[in-house]
Structure formats: structure tokens, C-alpha cells
Amino acid sequence: MLKAHQNGVLLFAGKLTWHSLAYSIWEQVTGISIMVALMGIFKTKWNSQSNFAGKLSGSAFAVYVLHPPILVLISILFIDWEVMLLIKFLVLTPIAIIASFAVALLVKRVPILKKVF
């Protein structure tokens, strides 16, 4: 009989063993169960929206369409900022999100564009 402590995780690594099959099934069942449970929890407990969140969700399509040039502009503005990439990501991500939604909200105020977005 093979023991996990003798063979490590190789039995679970997908080489057509029953261990690998059982792990694959367990992983999928667990993942789907977590997703269904979270959807149920959010549907019953947190199924409300503030006025601010409603405005943001109403601008989601405009953000989807308009965010690429905003990201390019932010990238160009900060191209010479030499810090670790993780720090740059953590600092610029909120700026990009806020800028994208701000531009989307402004574009939605233009009467002609309001029909599109």
C-alpha cells in the first residue's frame, strides 16, 4: 500500500491514479459548493444597493468602453516612476479605477453620449 508521506503529492499530480481522480472531483465539488453558498448568502443578506453604488453600476458599460485610453494615459504619466512593480500596481490601481469612473460619469452627462452609455 502506498502512503502519502512516503510518496509526497505525486499520487495527486494527475498521472491517472485514483488519488488524482478523487482529488479532482473533490476540488470541483468544493469550488462549486462555495460559489453556490456565496451566491445564496449575498442574495439573502446583502441584496441592496446605495445611491452611490447605483450610479457606479449605471456607469459600468461606459467604464468598460472608456478605460483603455485612461489606463494608457496613466501609464504614460507614471512611466518614469521607478519603484517595485507591486508598489506601482497598488498605488496606480485605485487612481485608475477612480479616474475611469469619473470620466464615465462625466461622459454620461453629455446629452448625445448619454444615449450611448
N, C-alpha and C. Protein backbone atom coordinates (compact mmCIF):
# COMPACT_ATOMS: atom_id res chain seq x y z
N MET A 1 0.85 -1.19 0.00
CA MET A 1 0.00 0.00 0.00
C MET A 1 0.89 1.24 0.00
N LEU A 2 0.57 2.18 -0.87
CA LEU A 2 1.32 3.43 -0.96
C LEU A 2 0.83 4.41 0.09
N LYS A 3 1.77 5.06 0.72
CA LYS A 3 1.41 6.03 1.75
C LYS A 3 1.80 7.42 1.28
N ALA A 4 0.96 8.41 1.60
CA ALA A 4 1.20 9.78 1.13
C ALA A 4 2.50 10.34 1.69
N HIS A 5 2.82 10.00 2.92
CA HIS A 5 4.05 10.56 3.50
C HIS A 5 5.30 9.96 2.87
N GLN A 6 5.18 8.82 2.20
CA GLN A 6 6.33 8.23 1.52
C GLN A 6 6.49 8.75 0.09
N ASN A 7 5.37 9.00 -0.58
CA ASN A 7 5.41 9.39 -1.98
C ASN A 7 5.09 10.87 -2.20
N GLY A 8 4.84 11.60 -1.15
CA GLY A 8 4.54 13.03 -1.30
C GLY A 8 3.24 13.24 -2.05
N VAL A 9 3.21 14.29 -2.83
CA VAL A 9 1.99 14.63 -3.55
C VAL A 9 1.97 14.09 -4.97
N LEU A 10 2.93 13.27 -5.34
CA LEU A 10 3.00 12.76 -6.72
C LEU A 10 1.76 11.95 -7.10
N LEU A 11 1.16 11.26 -6.14
CA LEU A 11 -0.03 10.48 -6.44
C LEU A 11 -1.21 11.36 -6.84
N PHE A 12 -1.19 12.61 -6.39
CA PHE A 12 -2.30 13.53 -6.65
C PHE A 12 -2.02 14.43 -7.85
N ALA A 13 -0.92 14.23 -8.54
CA ALA A 13 -0.48 15.15 -9.58
C ALA A 13 -1.04 14.84 -10.96
N GLY A 14 -2.01 13.98 -11.09
CA GLY A 14 -2.67 13.77 -12.36
C GLY A 14 -2.12 12.68 -13.24
N LYS A 15 -1.54 11.64 -12.70
CA LYS A 15 -0.98 10.57 -13.52
C LYS A 15 -1.90 9.35 -13.54
N LEU A 16 -3.18 9.58 -13.72
CA LEU A 16 -4.18 8.52 -13.83
C LEU A 16 -4.18 7.57 -12.64
N THR A 17 -4.13 8.13 -11.46
CA THR A 17 -4.28 7.33 -10.24
C THR A 17 -5.63 7.65 -9.63
N TRP A 18 -6.14 6.77 -8.79
CA TRP A 18 -7.42 7.04 -8.16
C TRP A 18 -7.30 8.21 -7.19
N HIS A 19 -6.10 8.44 -6.67
CA HIS A 19 -5.88 9.58 -5.78
C HIS A 19 -6.11 10.89 -6.54
N SER A 20 -5.56 10.95 -7.75
CA SER A 20 -5.71 12.13 -8.58
C SER A 20 -7.17 12.34 -8.97
N LEU A 21 -7.87 11.28 -9.32
CA LEU A 21 -9.27 11.37 -9.67
C LEU A 21 -10.10 11.86 -8.49
N ALA A 22 -9.87 11.29 -7.33
CA ALA A 22 -10.62 11.70 -6.14
C ALA A 22 -10.36 13.16 -5.80
N TYR A 23 -9.11 13.58 -5.92
CA TYR A 23 -8.78 14.98 -5.62
C TYR A 23 -9.43 15.92 -6.63
N SER A 24 -9.43 15.54 -7.90
CA SER A 24 -10.05 16.37 -8.93
C SER A 24 -11.55 16.53 -8.69
N ILE A 25 -12.22 15.44 -8.36
CA ILE A 25 -13.65 15.50 -8.08
C ILE A 25 -13.91 16.33 -6.83
N TRP A 26 -13.13 16.11 -5.78
CA TRP A 26 -13.30 16.86 -4.54
C TRP A 26 -13.10 18.36 -4.79
N GLU A 27 -12.10 18.71 -5.59
CA GLU A 27 -11.80 20.11 -5.86
C GLU A 27 -12.95 20.80 -6.58
N GLN A 28 -13.53 20.13 -7.57
CA GLN A 28 -14.64 20.73 -8.32
C GLN A 28 -15.89 20.84 -7.47
N VAL A 29 -16.21 19.80 -6.72
CA VAL A 29 -17.40 19.83 -5.87
C VAL A 29 -17.27 20.92 -4.81
N THR A 30 -16.09 21.04 -4.23
CA THR A 30 -15.87 22.07 -3.21
C THR A 30 -15.98 23.46 -3.81
N GLY A 31 -15.37 23.68 -4.96
CA GLY A 31 -15.41 25.00 -5.59
C GLY A 31 -16.82 25.41 -5.97
N ILE A 32 -17.58 24.51 -6.57
CA ILE A 32 -18.96 24.82 -6.95
C ILE A 32 -19.81 25.04 -5.71
N SER A 33 -19.60 24.26 -4.67
CA SER A 33 -20.36 24.43 -3.43
C SER A 33 -20.11 25.79 -2.80
N ILE A 34 -18.87 26.21 -2.80
CA ILE A 34 -18.54 27.53 -2.24
C ILE A 34 -19.21 28.63 -3.06
N MET A 35 -19.17 28.52 -4.39
CA MET A 35 -19.80 29.54 -5.23
C MET A 35 -21.30 29.61 -5.00
N VAL A 36 -21.97 28.47 -4.94
CA VAL A 36 -23.41 28.45 -4.73
C VAL A 36 -23.75 29.01 -3.34
N ALA A 37 -22.98 28.64 -2.34
CA ALA A 37 -23.22 29.15 -0.99
C ALA A 37 -23.04 30.66 -0.94
N LEU A 38 -21.99 31.17 -1.54
CA LEU A 38 -21.77 32.62 -1.54
C LEU A 38 -22.87 33.36 -2.29
N MET A 39 -23.34 32.80 -3.41
CA MET A 39 -24.46 33.45 -4.13
C MET A 39 -25.71 33.48 -3.25
N GLY A 40 -25.98 32.39 -2.55
CA GLY A 40 -27.14 32.36 -1.67
C GLY A 40 -27.02 33.35 -0.52
N ILE A 41 -25.84 33.43 0.06
CA ILE A 41 -25.63 34.38 1.17
C ILE A 41 -25.79 35.81 0.69
N PHE A 42 -25.15 36.15 -0.42
CA PHE A 42 -25.24 37.52 -0.91
C PHE A 42 -26.65 37.85 -1.38
N LYS A 43 -27.38 36.89 -1.92
CA LYS A 43 -28.74 37.15 -2.39
C LYS A 43 -29.68 37.43 -1.23
N THR A 44 -29.51 36.73 -0.12
CA THR A 44 -30.43 36.90 1.00
C THR A 44 -29.98 37.98 1.99
N LYS A 45 -28.69 38.15 2.20
CA LYS A 45 -28.20 39.06 3.24
C LYS A 45 -27.83 40.44 2.71
N TRP A 46 -27.18 40.50 1.56
CA TRP A 46 -26.64 41.78 1.08
C TRP A 46 -27.16 42.13 -0.30
N ASN A 47 -28.46 42.01 -0.49
CA ASN A 47 -29.05 42.28 -1.80
C ASN A 47 -29.65 43.68 -1.82
N SER A 48 -28.83 44.67 -1.54
CA SER A 48 -29.29 46.05 -1.59
C SER A 48 -28.18 46.90 -2.19
N GLN A 49 -28.55 48.12 -2.56
CA GLN A 49 -27.59 48.98 -3.23
C GLN A 49 -27.82 50.42 -2.79
N SER A 50 -26.73 51.10 -2.48
CA SER A 50 -26.84 52.51 -2.13
C SER A 50 -26.98 53.35 -3.39
N ASN A 51 -27.30 54.62 -3.21
CA ASN A 51 -27.44 55.53 -4.34
C ASN A 51 -26.11 55.65 -5.09
N PHE A 52 -25.02 55.76 -4.33
CA PHE A 52 -23.69 55.88 -4.93
C PHE A 52 -23.33 54.62 -5.73
N ALA A 53 -23.58 53.46 -5.15
CA ALA A 53 -23.30 52.20 -5.86
C ALA A 53 -24.18 52.07 -7.09
N GLY A 54 -25.39 52.58 -7.03
CA GLY A 54 -26.28 52.55 -8.20
C GLY A 54 -25.73 53.40 -9.34
N LYS A 55 -25.17 54.57 -9.00
CA LYS A 55 -24.56 55.41 -10.04
C LYS A 55 -23.35 54.73 -10.65
N LEU A 56 -22.54 54.09 -9.80
CA LEU A 56 -21.37 53.38 -10.32
C LEU A 56 -21.76 52.21 -11.21
N SER A 57 -22.76 51.45 -10.81
CA SER A 57 -23.16 50.31 -11.64
C SER A 57 -23.81 50.78 -12.93
N GLY A 58 -24.47 51.94 -12.90
CA GLY A 58 -25.02 52.50 -14.12
C GLY A 58 -23.95 52.97 -15.09
N SER A 59 -22.76 53.20 -14.58
CA SER A 59 -21.64 53.66 -15.42
C SER A 59 -20.72 52.52 -15.84
N ALA A 60 -21.05 51.30 -15.50
CA ALA A 60 -20.16 50.17 -15.75
C ALA A 60 -19.85 49.98 -17.23
N PHE A 61 -20.85 50.12 -18.09
CA PHE A 61 -20.59 49.94 -19.52
C PHE A 61 -19.69 51.05 -20.05
N ALA A 62 -19.93 52.28 -19.60
CA ALA A 62 -19.07 53.39 -20.03
C ALA A 62 -17.64 53.17 -19.56
N VAL A 63 -17.46 52.67 -18.36
CA VAL A 63 -16.11 52.37 -17.87
C VAL A 63 -15.48 51.28 -18.72
N TYR A 64 -16.25 50.27 -19.06
CA TYR A 64 -15.74 49.18 -19.89
C TYR A 64 -15.24 49.70 -21.23
N VAL A 65 -15.98 50.62 -21.83
CA VAL A 65 -15.61 51.14 -23.14
C VAL A 65 -14.47 52.15 -23.05
N LEU A 66 -14.48 52.99 -22.01
CA LEU A 66 -13.56 54.13 -21.94
C LEU A 66 -12.27 53.87 -21.16
N HIS A 67 -12.15 52.78 -20.46
CA HIS A 67 -10.98 52.60 -19.59
C HIS A 67 -9.65 52.41 -20.33
N PRO A 68 -9.59 51.82 -21.54
CA PRO A 68 -8.26 51.64 -22.15
C PRO A 68 -7.47 52.94 -22.35
N PRO A 69 -8.05 54.00 -22.91
CA PRO A 69 -7.23 55.22 -23.04
C PRO A 69 -6.85 55.83 -21.69
N ILE A 70 -7.69 55.65 -20.70
CA ILE A 70 -7.38 56.18 -19.37
C ILE A 70 -6.18 55.42 -18.79
N LEU A 71 -6.18 54.10 -18.94
CA LEU A 71 -5.05 53.31 -18.45
C LEU A 71 -3.76 53.65 -19.19
N VAL A 72 -3.86 53.87 -20.48
CA VAL A 72 -2.67 54.23 -21.26
C VAL A 72 -2.15 55.58 -20.80
N LEU A 73 -3.03 56.55 -20.59
CA LEU A 73 -2.62 57.87 -20.12
C LEU A 73 -1.93 57.79 -18.76
N ILE A 74 -2.51 57.05 -17.84
CA ILE A 74 -1.91 56.89 -16.51
C ILE A 74 -0.55 56.19 -16.63
N SER A 75 -0.46 55.20 -17.49
CA SER A 75 0.82 54.51 -17.70
C SER A 75 1.88 55.45 -18.24
N ILE A 76 1.49 56.29 -19.18
CA ILE A 76 2.44 57.25 -19.74
C ILE A 76 2.88 58.27 -18.69
N LEU A 77 1.93 58.74 -17.88
CA LEU A 77 2.27 59.74 -16.86
C LEU A 77 3.25 59.21 -15.82
N PHE A 78 3.15 57.93 -15.52
CA PHE A 78 3.98 57.35 -14.46
C PHE A 78 5.07 56.42 -14.99
N ILE A 79 5.42 56.57 -16.25
CA ILE A 79 6.41 55.68 -16.84
C ILE A 79 7.80 55.83 -16.23
N ASP A 80 8.12 57.04 -15.78
CA ASP A 80 9.45 57.28 -15.20
C ASP A 80 9.51 57.03 -13.69
N TRP A 81 8.41 56.67 -13.10
CA TRP A 81 8.39 56.40 -11.66
C TRP A 81 8.96 55.01 -11.44
N GLU A 82 10.18 54.96 -10.92
CA GLU A 82 10.87 53.68 -10.76
C GLU A 82 10.77 53.18 -9.32
N VAL A 83 9.78 52.36 -9.11
CA VAL A 83 9.59 51.67 -7.83
C VAL A 83 9.30 50.20 -8.15
N MET A 84 9.20 49.40 -7.13
CA MET A 84 8.84 48.00 -7.34
C MET A 84 7.48 47.93 -8.04
N LEU A 85 7.33 46.96 -8.92
CA LEU A 85 6.09 46.86 -9.69
C LEU A 85 4.87 46.66 -8.81
N LEU A 86 5.01 45.92 -7.73
CA LEU A 86 3.88 45.71 -6.82
C LEU A 86 3.42 47.02 -6.21
N ILE A 87 4.36 47.85 -5.79
CA ILE A 87 4.01 49.15 -5.21
C ILE A 87 3.34 50.03 -6.26
N LYS A 88 3.89 50.04 -7.46
CA LYS A 88 3.30 50.82 -8.55
C LYS A 88 1.87 50.34 -8.82
N PHE A 89 1.67 49.04 -8.84
CA PHE A 89 0.35 48.48 -9.06
C PHE A 89 -0.61 48.90 -7.95
N LEU A 90 -0.17 48.78 -6.70
CA LEU A 90 -1.04 49.11 -5.56
C LEU A 90 -1.39 50.58 -5.50
N VAL A 91 -0.50 51.45 -5.96
CA VAL A 91 -0.76 52.89 -5.93
C VAL A 91 -1.62 53.30 -7.13
N LEU A 92 -1.31 52.78 -8.30
CA LEU A 92 -1.97 53.26 -9.52
C LEU A 92 -3.32 52.60 -9.78
N THR A 93 -3.57 51.44 -9.23
CA THR A 93 -4.86 50.78 -9.45
C THR A 93 -6.03 51.61 -8.92
N PRO A 94 -5.99 52.10 -7.67
CA PRO A 94 -7.11 52.94 -7.23
C PRO A 94 -7.24 54.23 -8.04
N ILE A 95 -6.12 54.79 -8.44
CA ILE A 95 -6.17 56.01 -9.27
C ILE A 95 -6.85 55.70 -10.59
N ALA A 96 -6.51 54.58 -11.21
CA ALA A 96 -7.11 54.21 -12.50
C ALA A 96 -8.60 53.93 -12.36
N ILE A 97 -9.00 53.27 -11.27
CA ILE A 97 -10.42 52.97 -11.07
C ILE A 97 -11.21 54.25 -10.86
N ILE A 98 -10.70 55.13 -10.00
CA ILE A 98 -11.40 56.39 -9.74
C ILE A 98 -11.47 57.23 -11.01
N ALA A 99 -10.37 57.31 -11.75
CA ALA A 99 -10.35 58.10 -12.98
C ALA A 99 -11.32 57.52 -14.01
N SER A 100 -11.37 56.21 -14.13
CA SER A 100 -12.27 55.59 -15.10
C SER A 100 -13.73 55.88 -14.78
N PHE A 101 -14.10 55.75 -13.52
CA PHE A 101 -15.49 56.03 -13.15
C PHE A 101 -15.80 57.52 -13.23
N ALA A 102 -14.84 58.38 -12.91
CA ALA A 102 -15.07 59.82 -13.01
C ALA A 102 -15.30 60.22 -14.46
N VAL A 103 -14.48 59.73 -15.36
CA VAL A 103 -14.66 60.04 -16.79
C VAL A 103 -15.99 59.47 -17.29
N ALA A 104 -16.33 58.27 -16.87
CA ALA A 104 -17.60 57.67 -17.29
C ALA A 104 -18.79 58.49 -16.81
N LEU A 105 -18.73 58.96 -15.56
CA LEU A 105 -19.84 59.78 -15.05
C LEU A 105 -19.92 61.11 -15.79
N LEU A 106 -18.79 61.69 -16.16
CA LEU A 106 -18.80 62.94 -16.92
C LEU A 106 -19.33 62.72 -18.34
N VAL A 107 -18.92 61.63 -18.96
CA VAL A 107 -19.38 61.35 -20.33
C VAL A 107 -20.89 61.10 -20.34
N LYS A 108 -21.40 60.49 -19.30
CA LYS A 108 -22.84 60.21 -19.24
C LYS A 108 -23.67 61.47 -19.09
N ARG A 109 -23.05 62.59 -18.75
CA ARG A 109 -23.78 63.86 -18.62
C ARG A 109 -23.94 64.57 -19.96
N VAL A 110 -23.14 64.20 -20.94
CA VAL A 110 -23.25 64.79 -22.28
C VAL A 110 -24.50 64.21 -22.95
N PRO A 111 -25.44 65.08 -23.37
CA PRO A 111 -26.74 64.58 -23.86
C PRO A 111 -26.63 63.57 -25.01
N ILE A 112 -25.76 63.81 -25.96
CA ILE A 112 -25.65 62.89 -27.10
C ILE A 112 -25.08 61.55 -26.66
N LEU A 113 -24.06 61.59 -25.81
CA LEU A 113 -23.41 60.37 -25.35
C LEU A 113 -24.23 59.62 -24.31
N LYS A 114 -25.15 60.33 -23.66
CA LYS A 114 -25.99 59.69 -22.65
C LYS A 114 -26.83 58.56 -23.27
N LYS A 115 -27.21 58.75 -24.54
CA LYS A 115 -28.00 57.73 -25.23
C LYS A 115 -27.17 56.47 -25.49
N VAL A 116 -25.86 56.65 -25.70
CA VAL A 116 -24.98 55.52 -25.99
C VAL A 116 -24.64 54.77 -24.72
N PHE A 117 -24.30 55.52 -23.67
CA PHE A 117 -23.86 54.90 -22.44
C PHE A 117 -24.97 54.86 -21.42
